[in-house]
């Protein structure tokens, strides 16, 4: 299957849905070509264009070249085929007629005083039924393109850099660097919380003393916001969920 257009689209870094649609169109086009080729093969079998010469025709052909015996013919010689004349064959139909041949599935009924006329209903004898281009088929074609793996890597990296999460009306960046900052911050607060518990504080009091403490955090709007460490932990959780979804979806 030709996937040159999909290759060009990948090189141009076009959206994945556009690339998949191009492959889907190509799959449907190739399916139609296969169908038409199969119909033609059926037709050619029923009404071949040429036939082999019969013995009498072979003798006449030899006479045309003043050859009196087949032994005098050149080595590897083959007699030409003869075009078949279907002019007297009442069963003969053209390839177009064969392809568009119909059959009656409901006879016409004439109108009466009590009923309306019912027209004749027909259907193609050999209808084309398009293949269903499934996601699996499209993905299989994508996987054949060497550049696709790098495209996916770049796409995931870009999407990860654009991750954002909102906690208590504050929007947090969820890119690689921001996740690292949040992870380090939450880890230190966890350490302080465990330290408070080891000093004899109840888990509830230790949590309140650490995760409920307020800090200043730069939001996705590049403005400082007074937030609790608890909110930073929630933003980290939401960001990591989005990372997992994006990686798992590929």
Foldseek 3Di string as FASTA:
>chain_A
DDLPVLLVCLVVLHDPVVSLVVLVVVLQVVLVVVLLVVLVVVLCVVPPQWDADDPVVVCVVCVVVPHDDPVPDDPPDDDDTDTDDCPVPPPDDDSVCSQAPKDWPDDWAPDDPVGHTDHTDIDGPRDDDTDDCDPVNSVVVLVVRPSSVVSLVVVLLVVLQQDWDDDPNFIAGRHPVSLVVLVVLVVVLVVQLVVVVVVPDDSVVSCCVRQVDWDWDQTPVRDTDTDGNVRSVVRSVVSVVVSCVSVVVD
